[in-house]
Amino acid sequence: MVFVPAHFGEWLQGLVLDEGRVQAVALVTLPCPQRGVRALKLGNGKLRITQTRPVLSLDQVAQMLRELGLPDAGEFALELDFPPGGGAGMSTAALVAVARAAGGLEEKIARACLAVEGASDPLMLKAPDGVLWASRSGRSLGSLPAPPKALVVGGFWGSHQCTDAQDQDFAPIADLVADWARAPGLRRAAAIGSESALRTMQTRGPQGDPTPMLVRDLGALGWVRAHTGSARGLIFAPDATPDLTALVEAGFTDVLSFVTGRRR
């Protein structure tokens, strides 16, 4: 059994200047170590796939295997912890899980994911939250300090939305990336995440998001979101014990809490 951890939105995401002064969509992901996608290769023979939630087509699985230089054959079973389109990286995690279950070479996985999806999350990396990731080109734009350890309390609010690889409608975040590169403490990191989430809400919507109000009501340090998708999270100190019922009352689904980050 292969397990690929999910992410739960992003600490920050938006437009930065890439090589040649071209605008690129870049992000710092927010890992969710306890949830993700599990994959098992059940046998060889004709290509088949079973999934607890529909996330990959048979054609996508076949292309992924071919991109890795493997036969497009075998029977795979996928178990997803989060809904596709929620902004938790289920499609990328599923592709990575299939690749590893099939025995694909690690150094080929990122490029293969990009070829299949047109945009990918950095979930194939050992430390996915330690880079500024260009999702539309499937590569790192540079290393960044690990995020501080934090408790995230969240769930899904609003409509799910799958990533469109051609979508460039994001707010500029070069200033936030520069701030993040200074290895901020938790309070400042939460403020950066909140600002990125707010810019995306103003640029992309949806309006009426209750998460900023929950920050105030529950005494959170800040909030994060899937910049495409419905995942929303409140940021607390790792030892906090917030009441999750307020999120359910606000309309959140699949409410959970988890600890993320690698820096004290």
Protein backbone atom coordinates (compact mmCIF):
# COMPACT_ATOMS: atom_id res chain seq x y z
CA MET A 1 0.00 0.00 0.00
CA VAL A 2 1.33 3.42 -1.01
CA PHE A 3 0.28 6.55 0.90
CA VAL A 4 0.75 10.07 -0.49
CA PRO A 5 -0.11 12.88 1.97
CA ALA A 6 -2.46 15.62 0.83
CA HIS A 7 -2.18 19.33 1.28
CA PHE A 8 -4.93 21.59 2.62
CA GLY A 9 -4.91 24.68 0.49
CA GLU A 10 -1.83 26.88 0.48
CA TRP A 11 -0.03 29.21 2.83
CA LEU A 12 0.17 31.55 -0.15
CA GLN A 13 -0.50 31.46 -3.87
CA GLY A 14 -0.50 34.03 -6.62
CA LEU A 15 1.53 35.66 -9.35
CA VAL A 16 5.31 36.18 -9.26
CA LEU A 17 7.83 37.05 -11.94
CA ASP A 18 9.55 33.94 -13.28
CA GLU A 19 12.47 33.61 -15.69
CA GLY A 20 12.27 36.16 -18.48
CA ARG A 21 10.09 38.41 -16.32
CA VAL A 22 7.01 36.30 -17.14
CA GLN A 23 4.14 36.12 -14.66
CA ALA A 24 3.88 32.64 -13.13
CA VAL A 25 1.39 31.14 -10.70
CA ALA A 26 3.43 30.14 -7.65
CA LEU A 27 2.54 28.72 -4.26
CA VAL A 28 3.75 27.51 -0.89
CA THR A 29 1.71 24.45 -0.08
CA LEU A 30 0.28 23.55 3.33
CA PRO A 31 0.76 19.80 3.94
CA CYS A 32 -1.83 17.68 5.69
CA PRO A 33 0.30 14.71 6.78
CA GLN A 34 -2.46 12.49 8.14
CA ARG A 35 -4.79 12.57 5.12
CA GLY A 36 -4.22 11.84 1.47
CA VAL A 37 -4.47 9.07 -1.11
CA ARG A 38 -3.72 5.38 -0.71
CA ALA A 39 -2.98 3.21 -3.73
CA LEU A 40 -2.56 -0.51 -4.15
CA LYS A 41 -1.60 -2.42 -7.26
CA LEU A 42 -3.77 -5.52 -7.20
CA GLY A 43 -2.38 -7.29 -10.23
CA ASN A 44 -1.15 -7.14 -13.81
CA GLY A 45 -3.13 -7.55 -16.98
CA LYS A 46 -5.55 -5.12 -18.56
CA LEU A 47 -5.57 -1.63 -17.05
CA ARG A 48 -8.32 -1.14 -14.48
CA ILE A 49 -8.88 1.34 -11.68
CA THR A 50 -11.28 1.46 -8.75
CA GLN A 51 -11.61 4.63 -6.63
CA THR A 52 -13.55 5.56 -3.53
CA ARG A 53 -14.15 8.99 -5.10
CA PRO A 54 -13.84 9.64 -8.85
CA VAL A 55 -10.68 11.64 -9.43
CA LEU A 56 -8.75 10.03 -12.33
CA SER A 57 -10.00 8.70 -15.64
CA LEU A 58 -8.62 5.49 -17.10
CA ASP A 59 -7.03 7.56 -19.87
CA GLN A 60 -5.20 9.71 -17.29
CA VAL A 61 -3.85 6.64 -15.51
CA ALA A 62 -2.73 5.14 -18.83
CA GLN A 63 -0.98 8.38 -19.81
CA MET A 64 0.71 8.63 -16.41
CA LEU A 65 2.14 5.14 -16.77
CA ARG A 66 3.34 5.82 -20.32
CA GLU A 67 4.97 9.10 -19.23
CA LEU A 68 6.92 7.04 -16.69
CA GLY A 69 8.02 4.57 -19.35
CA LEU A 70 5.81 1.83 -17.92
CA PRO A 71 3.22 -0.38 -19.62
CA ASP A 72 -0.31 1.02 -19.39
CA ALA A 73 -1.52 -2.12 -17.66
CA GLY A 74 -2.39 -3.39 -14.21
CA GLU A 75 -5.24 -3.13 -11.72
CA PHE A 76 -5.08 -0.26 -9.21
CA ALA A 77 -7.27 0.63 -6.23
CA LEU A 78 -7.36 4.21 -4.92
CA GLU A 79 -8.72 5.46 -1.61
CA LEU A 80 -9.18 9.25 -1.26
CA ASP A 81 -9.57 11.04 2.06
CA PHE A 82 -10.77 14.37 0.59
CA PRO A 83 -13.18 15.36 -2.20
CA PRO A 84 -11.67 16.10 -5.61
CA GLY A 85 -11.90 19.81 -6.42
CA GLY A 86 -11.60 20.75 -2.77
CA GLY A 87 -8.13 22.17 -3.15
CA ALA A 88 -6.46 19.35 -1.22
CA GLY A 89 -4.37 17.98 -4.06
CA MET A 90 -6.34 14.79 -4.64
CA SER A 91 -5.62 14.49 -8.37
CA THR A 92 -1.87 15.04 -8.01
CA ALA A 93 -1.71 12.77 -4.95
CA ALA A 94 -3.60 10.07 -6.85
CA LEU A 95 -1.20 10.28 -9.81
CA VAL A 96 1.82 10.13 -7.51
CA ALA A 97 0.31 7.18 -5.65
CA VAL A 98 -0.33 5.27 -8.89
CA ALA A 99 3.20 6.04 -10.06
CA ARG A 100 4.75 4.70 -6.88
CA ALA A 101 2.49 1.67 -6.72
CA ALA A 102 3.53 0.85 -10.29
CA GLY A 103 7.22 1.24 -9.47
CA GLY A 104 7.87 4.43 -11.41
CA LEU A 105 11.13 6.32 -10.98
CA GLU A 106 10.82 9.22 -8.54
CA GLU A 107 12.75 11.62 -10.74
CA LYS A 108 10.16 11.25 -13.51
CA ILE A 109 7.01 11.73 -11.42
CA ALA A 110 6.80 15.53 -11.33
CA ARG A 111 7.14 15.90 -15.11
CA ALA A 112 4.68 13.05 -15.68
CA CYS A 113 2.09 14.67 -13.39
CA LEU A 114 2.43 17.93 -15.30
CA ALA A 115 2.00 16.16 -18.63
CA VAL A 116 -1.24 14.55 -17.45
CA GLU A 117 -2.76 17.48 -15.53
CA GLY A 118 -1.23 20.59 -17.04
CA ALA A 119 -0.72 21.86 -13.48
CA SER A 120 0.40 20.01 -10.38
CA ASP A 121 1.01 20.33 -6.68
CA PRO A 122 4.45 19.52 -5.21
CA LEU A 123 3.21 16.42 -3.37
CA MET A 124 5.87 14.21 -4.95
CA LEU A 125 8.61 16.10 -3.07
CA LYS A 126 10.01 14.96 0.28
CA ALA A 127 9.47 18.45 1.72
CA PRO A 128 6.69 19.96 -0.43
CA ASP A 129 6.34 23.03 1.81
CA GLY A 130 10.01 23.96 1.47
CA VAL A 131 9.86 25.39 -2.04
CA LEU A 132 8.14 28.11 -4.03
CA TRP A 133 6.35 25.89 -6.53
CA ALA A 134 5.36 26.94 -10.04
CA SER A 135 2.28 24.79 -10.46
CA ARG A 136 1.79 25.41 -14.21
CA SER A 137 5.33 24.29 -15.03
CA GLY A 138 5.68 21.64 -12.32
CA ARG A 139 8.96 22.88 -10.87
CA SER A 140 10.51 24.67 -7.95
CA LEU A 141 11.37 28.35 -8.30
CA GLY A 142 13.64 28.12 -5.28
CA SER A 143 13.94 26.84 -1.74
CA LEU A 144 12.14 28.53 1.16
CA PRO A 145 12.27 28.06 4.93
CA ALA A 146 10.02 25.37 6.33
CA PRO A 147 6.76 26.74 7.74
CA PRO A 148 6.44 27.02 11.52
CA LYS A 149 4.54 24.27 13.30
CA ALA A 150 0.84 25.10 13.56
CA LEU A 151 -2.54 23.56 14.32
CA VAL A 152 -4.97 23.86 11.43
CA VAL A 153 -8.69 23.53 12.08
CA GLY A 154 -10.69 23.49 8.89
CA GLY A 155 -13.04 21.91 6.42
CA PHE A 156 -14.65 22.61 3.07
CA TRP A 157 -16.89 25.58 2.41
CA GLY A 158 -18.50 26.54 -0.87
CA SER A 159 -18.36 24.84 -4.25
CA HIS A 160 -15.56 22.51 -5.23
CA GLN A 161 -13.51 23.71 -8.19
CA CYS A 162 -10.94 21.72 -10.14
CA THR A 163 -7.80 23.55 -11.25
CA ASP A 164 -7.75 24.94 -14.77
CA ALA A 165 -4.16 24.92 -16.01
CA GLN A 166 -4.85 28.03 -18.12
CA ASP A 167 -6.21 30.02 -15.18
CA GLN A 168 -3.95 33.00 -14.40
CA ASP A 169 -6.50 35.11 -12.51
CA PHE A 170 -4.56 35.44 -9.26
CA ALA A 171 -3.32 38.37 -7.21
CA PRO A 172 0.38 39.37 -7.16
CA ILE A 173 2.24 37.97 -4.12
CA ALA A 174 5.93 38.88 -4.63
CA ASP A 175 5.87 40.90 -1.40
CA LEU A 176 4.40 37.98 0.53
CA VAL A 177 7.01 35.58 -0.85
CA ALA A 178 9.78 37.97 0.23
CA ASP A 179 8.27 38.14 3.71
CA TRP A 180 7.93 34.34 3.86
CA ALA A 181 11.59 33.92 2.85
CA ARG A 182 12.58 35.60 6.14
CA ALA A 183 11.40 32.50 8.06
CA PRO A 184 8.52 34.17 9.92
CA GLY A 185 7.30 32.95 13.27
CA LEU A 186 3.84 31.49 13.56
CA ARG A 187 2.00 34.74 14.20
CA ARG A 188 3.59 36.44 11.20
CA ALA A 189 3.17 33.31 9.03
CA ALA A 190 -0.54 33.31 9.89
CA ALA A 191 -0.75 36.98 8.89
CA ILE A 192 0.93 36.24 5.54
CA GLY A 193 -1.43 33.34 4.91
CA SER A 194 -4.40 35.52 5.80
CA GLU A 195 -3.30 38.26 3.41
CA SER A 196 -2.85 35.79 0.56
CA ALA A 197 -6.28 34.29 1.26
CA LEU A 198 -7.85 37.75 1.41
CA ARG A 199 -6.30 38.82 -1.89
CA THR A 200 -7.63 35.68 -3.53
CA MET A 201 -11.09 36.22 -2.07
CA GLN A 202 -11.10 39.78 -3.44
CA THR A 203 -9.82 38.65 -6.84
CA ARG A 204 -11.63 35.33 -7.28
CA GLY A 205 -14.35 35.18 -4.64
CA PRO A 206 -16.55 33.69 -3.47
CA GLN A 207 -18.18 36.42 -1.46
CA GLY A 208 -19.73 35.64 1.91
CA ASP A 209 -16.88 33.40 3.05
CA PRO A 210 -17.35 32.99 6.83
CA THR A 211 -13.72 32.07 7.55
CA PRO A 212 -12.43 35.59 8.40
CA MET A 213 -15.28 35.98 10.89
CA LEU A 214 -14.43 32.62 12.46
CA VAL A 215 -10.86 33.87 12.97
CA ARG A 216 -12.25 36.64 15.14
CA ASP A 217 -14.83 34.49 16.94
CA LEU A 218 -12.46 31.63 17.78
CA GLY A 219 -9.36 33.71 18.47
CA ALA A 220 -7.34 32.15 15.64
CA LEU A 221 -4.03 33.65 14.53
CA GLY A 222 -5.19 33.77 10.92
CA TRP A 223 -6.62 31.72 8.09
CA VAL A 224 -5.65 29.92 4.91
CA ARG A 225 -7.59 28.63 1.96
CA ALA A 226 -7.37 26.66 -1.22
CA HIS A 227 -6.78 29.42 -3.73
CA THR A 228 -8.67 27.20 -6.17
CA GLY A 229 -11.15 24.99 -4.36
CA SER A 230 -13.17 24.91 -1.17
CA ALA A 231 -10.68 24.01 1.58
CA ARG A 232 -10.54 26.57 4.40
CA GLY A 233 -8.45 26.48 7.57
CA LEU A 234 -7.92 28.47 10.74
CA ILE A 235 -4.38 28.77 12.11
CA PHE A 236 -3.69 28.20 15.82
CA ALA A 237 -0.69 27.50 18.03
CA PRO A 238 0.10 23.76 18.00
CA ASP A 239 -1.14 23.25 21.57
CA ALA A 240 -4.46 25.12 21.12
CA THR A 241 -7.79 23.35 21.69
CA PRO A 242 -10.40 25.26 19.65
CA ASP A 243 -14.03 24.17 19.43
CA LEU A 244 -14.77 22.67 16.01
CA THR A 245 -18.54 22.99 16.30
CA ALA A 246 -18.42 26.62 15.17
CA LEU A 247 -17.16 25.47 11.75
CA VAL A 248 -19.99 22.99 11.37
CA GLU A 249 -22.49 25.70 12.30
CA ALA A 250 -20.92 27.98 9.66
CA GLY A 251 -21.56 25.38 6.95
CA PHE A 252 -18.18 23.66 6.77
CA THR A 253 -18.12 19.98 5.80
CA ASP A 254 -15.53 17.26 6.56
CA VAL A 255 -14.31 19.29 9.53
CA LEU A 256 -10.91 18.19 10.84
CA SER A 257 -7.84 19.35 12.71
CA PHE A 258 -4.20 18.51 12.11
CA VAL A 259 -0.70 19.74 12.88
CA THR A 260 1.45 20.95 10.01
CA GLY A 261 4.82 22.69 9.65
CA ARG A 262 8.37 21.61 10.47
CA ARG A 263 9.92 24.58 12.24
CA ARG A 264 9.47 25.46 15.92
